[in-house]
Amino acid sequence: MFNSPTAVVDQKKSKAKYPESRVIVLDDTFNTFQHVANCLLTIIPDMSEKRAWDLTIKVDKTGSAEVWRGNLEQAELYHEQLVRKGLTMAPIEKT
């Protein structure tokens, strides 16, 4: 019987190569709650209306909120789309 080699992935090395990235919205004085919530709802995948509003309120109360976390390529895409909609964004954070 033929034995084929199997790849063993070391989870620690895999995570080190592909760190998670955080997309963070910052508070500002010109975007309305409605606009921020709508942007989150339309741009961030699987965002519920309740979560979009909860995050919008967090941005207002604390000055910022992490709205998405995942791979860098997706983080860059969502960050760019939110910037284009006029939201004030922190630089992408790699964790």
N, C-alpha and C. Protein backbone atom coordinates (compact mmCIF):
# COMPACT_ATOMS: atom_id res chain seq x y z
N MET A 1 0.84 -1.18 0.00
CA MET A 1 0.00 0.00 0.00
C MET A 1 0.88 1.24 0.00
N PHE A 2 0.50 2.24 -0.74
CA PHE A 2 1.28 3.48 -0.92
C PHE A 2 0.98 4.45 0.22
N ASN A 3 2.03 4.93 0.86
CA ASN A 3 1.87 5.92 1.93
C ASN A 3 2.19 7.30 1.38
N SER A 4 1.26 8.20 1.48
CA SER A 4 1.53 9.57 1.04
C SER A 4 1.88 10.40 2.27
N PRO A 5 2.82 11.33 2.11
CA PRO A 5 3.18 12.16 3.26
C PRO A 5 2.03 13.09 3.63
N THR A 6 1.90 13.32 4.90
CA THR A 6 0.87 14.25 5.34
C THR A 6 1.55 15.47 5.95
N ALA A 7 0.95 16.61 5.72
CA ALA A 7 1.51 17.86 6.24
C ALA A 7 0.99 18.06 7.66
N VAL A 8 1.91 18.37 8.53
CA VAL A 8 1.53 18.69 9.90
C VAL A 8 1.77 20.19 10.08
N VAL A 9 0.71 20.89 10.47
CA VAL A 9 0.81 22.33 10.64
C VAL A 9 0.99 22.63 12.12
N ASP A 10 2.05 23.35 12.42
CA ASP A 10 2.29 23.80 13.79
C ASP A 10 1.47 25.06 14.00
N GLN A 11 0.46 24.98 14.85
CA GLN A 11 -0.45 26.11 15.06
C GLN A 11 0.28 27.36 15.52
N LYS A 12 1.30 27.21 16.38
CA LYS A 12 2.04 28.38 16.87
C LYS A 12 2.77 29.09 15.73
N LYS A 13 3.41 28.31 14.85
CA LYS A 13 4.11 28.92 13.72
C LYS A 13 3.12 29.53 12.74
N SER A 14 2.01 28.86 12.53
CA SER A 14 1.00 29.37 11.61
C SER A 14 0.47 30.73 12.09
N LYS A 15 0.18 30.85 13.36
CA LYS A 15 -0.32 32.13 13.89
C LYS A 15 0.75 33.21 13.81
N ALA A 16 2.00 32.83 14.01
CA ALA A 16 3.08 33.81 13.96
C ALA A 16 3.22 34.38 12.55
N LYS A 17 3.00 33.54 11.54
CA LYS A 17 3.12 33.99 10.15
C LYS A 17 1.96 34.89 9.75
N TYR A 18 0.79 34.60 10.27
CA TYR A 18 -0.42 35.30 9.85
C TYR A 18 -1.10 35.92 11.06
N PRO A 19 -0.57 37.04 11.53
CA PRO A 19 -1.18 37.65 12.72
C PRO A 19 -2.55 38.22 12.39
N GLU A 20 -3.38 38.29 13.41
CA GLU A 20 -4.67 38.93 13.23
C GLU A 20 -4.48 40.44 13.21
N SER A 21 -5.39 41.10 12.55
CA SER A 21 -5.36 42.55 12.46
C SER A 21 -6.69 43.09 12.96
N ARG A 22 -6.63 44.27 13.56
CA ARG A 22 -7.83 44.89 14.14
C ARG A 22 -8.21 46.15 13.35
N VAL A 23 -9.49 46.28 13.06
CA VAL A 23 -10.03 47.48 12.41
C VAL A 23 -10.76 48.27 13.49
N ILE A 24 -10.31 49.51 13.71
CA ILE A 24 -10.82 50.32 14.82
C ILE A 24 -11.36 51.65 14.31
N VAL A 25 -12.61 51.93 14.66
CA VAL A 25 -13.24 53.21 14.32
C VAL A 25 -13.01 54.17 15.49
N LEU A 26 -12.66 55.41 15.16
CA LEU A 26 -12.44 56.45 16.18
C LEU A 26 -13.60 57.43 16.20
N ASP A 27 -13.80 58.03 17.35
CA ASP A 27 -14.84 59.05 17.50
C ASP A 27 -14.42 60.33 16.78
N ASP A 28 -15.38 61.04 16.25
CA ASP A 28 -15.13 62.35 15.65
C ASP A 28 -16.34 63.23 15.89
N THR A 29 -16.27 64.45 15.44
CA THR A 29 -17.36 65.39 15.71
C THR A 29 -18.28 65.62 14.51
N PHE A 30 -18.05 64.89 13.42
CA PHE A 30 -18.84 65.18 12.22
C PHE A 30 -19.66 64.03 11.68
N ASN A 31 -19.34 62.78 11.99
CA ASN A 31 -20.15 61.66 11.52
C ASN A 31 -21.31 61.42 12.48
N THR A 32 -22.49 61.23 11.92
CA THR A 32 -23.67 60.97 12.76
C THR A 32 -23.69 59.51 13.19
N PHE A 33 -24.43 59.24 14.26
CA PHE A 33 -24.60 57.86 14.72
C PHE A 33 -25.15 57.00 13.58
N GLN A 34 -26.16 57.53 12.90
CA GLN A 34 -26.81 56.79 11.81
C GLN A 34 -25.81 56.43 10.72
N HIS A 35 -24.96 57.39 10.34
CA HIS A 35 -23.98 57.13 9.28
C HIS A 35 -22.98 56.05 9.70
N VAL A 36 -22.46 56.16 10.92
CA VAL A 36 -21.49 55.16 11.40
C VAL A 36 -22.13 53.78 11.44
N ALA A 37 -23.31 53.68 12.02
CA ALA A 37 -24.00 52.38 12.11
C ALA A 37 -24.29 51.81 10.72
N ASN A 38 -24.74 52.64 9.79
CA ASN A 38 -25.01 52.18 8.42
C ASN A 38 -23.75 51.68 7.74
N CYS A 39 -22.64 52.40 7.92
CA CYS A 39 -21.37 51.97 7.32
C CYS A 39 -20.95 50.61 7.86
N LEU A 40 -21.03 50.44 9.15
CA LEU A 40 -20.66 49.15 9.75
C LEU A 40 -21.56 48.04 9.23
N LEU A 41 -22.82 48.32 9.15
CA LEU A 41 -23.81 47.33 8.70
C LEU A 41 -23.57 46.91 7.26
N THR A 42 -23.19 47.84 6.40
CA THR A 42 -23.04 47.51 4.98
C THR A 42 -21.64 47.01 4.62
N ILE A 43 -20.61 47.34 5.41
CA ILE A 43 -19.24 46.99 5.04
C ILE A 43 -18.70 45.77 5.80
N ILE A 44 -18.99 45.67 7.08
CA ILE A 44 -18.44 44.58 7.89
C ILE A 44 -19.33 43.35 7.75
N PRO A 45 -18.76 42.21 7.32
CA PRO A 45 -19.56 41.00 7.12
C PRO A 45 -20.21 40.52 8.42
N ASP A 46 -21.40 39.97 8.30
CA ASP A 46 -22.14 39.38 9.41
C ASP A 46 -22.44 40.37 10.54
N MET A 47 -22.44 41.64 10.21
CA MET A 47 -22.75 42.67 11.22
C MET A 47 -24.26 42.77 11.36
N SER A 48 -24.74 42.63 12.58
CA SER A 48 -26.17 42.79 12.83
C SER A 48 -26.45 44.27 13.10
N GLU A 49 -27.70 44.64 12.96
CA GLU A 49 -28.08 46.03 13.22
C GLU A 49 -27.81 46.38 14.69
N LYS A 50 -28.12 45.46 15.60
CA LYS A 50 -27.89 45.72 17.02
C LYS A 50 -26.40 45.90 17.31
N ARG A 51 -25.57 45.04 16.75
CA ARG A 51 -24.12 45.14 16.99
C ARG A 51 -23.57 46.44 16.41
N ALA A 52 -24.05 46.83 15.22
CA ALA A 52 -23.60 48.08 14.60
C ALA A 52 -23.92 49.26 15.51
N TRP A 53 -25.11 49.28 16.08
CA TRP A 53 -25.49 50.36 16.99
C TRP A 53 -24.71 50.30 18.29
N ASP A 54 -24.50 49.09 18.83
CA ASP A 54 -23.71 48.94 20.06
C ASP A 54 -22.29 49.46 19.86
N LEU A 55 -21.68 49.14 18.71
CA LEU A 55 -20.32 49.61 18.43
C LEU A 55 -20.30 51.12 18.22
N THR A 56 -21.30 51.65 17.55
CA THR A 56 -21.39 53.10 17.34
C THR A 56 -21.47 53.84 18.67
N ILE A 57 -22.27 53.32 19.58
CA ILE A 57 -22.39 53.93 20.91
C ILE A 57 -21.07 53.81 21.67
N LYS A 58 -20.38 52.67 21.52
CA LYS A 58 -19.09 52.49 22.18
C LYS A 58 -18.08 53.52 21.67
N VAL A 59 -18.06 53.74 20.35
CA VAL A 59 -17.16 54.74 19.77
C VAL A 59 -17.43 56.10 20.41
N ASP A 60 -18.70 56.45 20.54
CA ASP A 60 -19.06 57.75 21.11
C ASP A 60 -18.66 57.86 22.58
N LYS A 61 -18.89 56.80 23.35
CA LYS A 61 -18.65 56.85 24.80
C LYS A 61 -17.17 56.69 25.17
N THR A 62 -16.43 55.85 24.43
CA THR A 62 -15.05 55.54 24.82
C THR A 62 -14.00 56.12 23.88
N GLY A 63 -14.44 56.62 22.72
CA GLY A 63 -13.49 57.20 21.78
C GLY A 63 -13.07 56.28 20.66
N SER A 64 -13.33 54.97 20.81
CA SER A 64 -12.97 54.03 19.75
C SER A 64 -13.66 52.68 19.98
N ALA A 65 -13.71 51.88 18.93
CA ALA A 65 -14.23 50.52 19.05
C ALA A 65 -13.63 49.65 17.96
N GLU A 66 -13.26 48.45 18.34
CA GLU A 66 -12.81 47.46 17.35
C GLU A 66 -14.06 46.93 16.66
N VAL A 67 -14.11 47.09 15.34
CA VAL A 67 -15.30 46.67 14.60
C VAL A 67 -15.09 45.37 13.83
N TRP A 68 -13.83 44.97 13.69
CA TRP A 68 -13.54 43.71 12.98
C TRP A 68 -12.15 43.25 13.35
N ARG A 69 -11.95 41.93 13.37
CA ARG A 69 -10.64 41.34 13.64
C ARG A 69 -10.49 40.12 12.74
N GLY A 70 -9.33 40.01 12.10
CA GLY A 70 -9.09 38.87 11.21
C GLY A 70 -7.82 39.07 10.43
N ASN A 71 -7.73 38.41 9.27
CA ASN A 71 -6.49 38.48 8.49
C ASN A 71 -6.25 39.89 7.92
N LEU A 72 -4.99 40.19 7.70
CA LEU A 72 -4.58 41.54 7.29
C LEU A 72 -5.23 41.98 5.98
N GLU A 73 -5.29 41.10 5.01
CA GLU A 73 -5.85 41.47 3.71
C GLU A 73 -7.30 41.94 3.83
N GLN A 74 -8.11 41.20 4.57
CA GLN A 74 -9.50 41.60 4.79
C GLN A 74 -9.57 42.88 5.61
N ALA A 75 -8.72 42.99 6.63
CA ALA A 75 -8.70 44.19 7.47
C ALA A 75 -8.41 45.43 6.62
N GLU A 76 -7.46 45.31 5.71
CA GLU A 76 -7.12 46.44 4.82
C GLU A 76 -8.31 46.83 3.96
N LEU A 77 -9.02 45.83 3.45
CA LEU A 77 -10.19 46.10 2.61
C LEU A 77 -11.27 46.84 3.39
N TYR A 78 -11.64 46.34 4.58
CA TYR A 78 -12.69 46.98 5.37
C TYR A 78 -12.26 48.36 5.83
N HIS A 79 -11.00 48.49 6.22
CA HIS A 79 -10.47 49.79 6.65
C HIS A 79 -10.60 50.81 5.53
N GLU A 80 -10.17 50.42 4.35
CA GLU A 80 -10.22 51.33 3.18
C GLU A 80 -11.66 51.72 2.85
N GLN A 81 -12.57 50.77 2.91
CA GLN A 81 -13.97 51.05 2.59
C GLN A 81 -14.58 52.01 3.63
N LEU A 82 -14.24 51.82 4.89
CA LEU A 82 -14.77 52.70 5.94
C LEU A 82 -14.18 54.11 5.81
N VAL A 83 -12.90 54.20 5.46
CA VAL A 83 -12.28 55.51 5.23
C VAL A 83 -12.98 56.22 4.07
N ARG A 84 -13.26 55.48 3.00
CA ARG A 84 -13.93 56.08 1.84
C ARG A 84 -15.33 56.60 2.18
N LYS A 85 -15.95 56.00 3.18
CA LYS A 85 -17.27 56.47 3.62
C LYS A 85 -17.17 57.65 4.58
N GLY A 86 -15.94 58.05 4.91
CA GLY A 86 -15.74 59.23 5.73
C GLY A 86 -15.54 58.98 7.21
N LEU A 87 -15.45 57.70 7.63
CA LEU A 87 -15.24 57.44 9.05
C LEU A 87 -13.81 57.73 9.44
N THR A 88 -13.62 58.12 10.68
CA THR A 88 -12.29 58.38 11.22
C THR A 88 -11.77 57.06 11.76
N MET A 89 -10.62 56.63 11.24
CA MET A 89 -10.11 55.30 11.54
C MET A 89 -8.73 55.36 12.19
N ALA A 90 -8.49 54.44 13.10
CA ALA A 90 -7.15 54.24 13.63
C ALA A 90 -6.37 53.44 12.59
N PRO A 91 -5.04 53.53 12.61
CA PRO A 91 -4.27 52.65 11.73
C PRO A 91 -4.60 51.19 12.06
N ILE A 92 -4.50 50.32 11.08
CA ILE A 92 -4.76 48.90 11.32
C ILE A 92 -3.75 48.40 12.34
N GLU A 93 -4.25 47.70 13.34
CA GLU A 93 -3.38 47.15 14.39
C GLU A 93 -3.19 45.66 14.15
N LYS A 94 -1.94 45.23 14.17
CA LYS A 94 -1.65 43.80 14.07
C LYS A 94 -1.46 43.25 15.47
N THR A 95 -2.14 42.15 15.75
CA THR A 95 -2.06 41.56 17.09
C THR A 95 -1.15 40.35 17.12
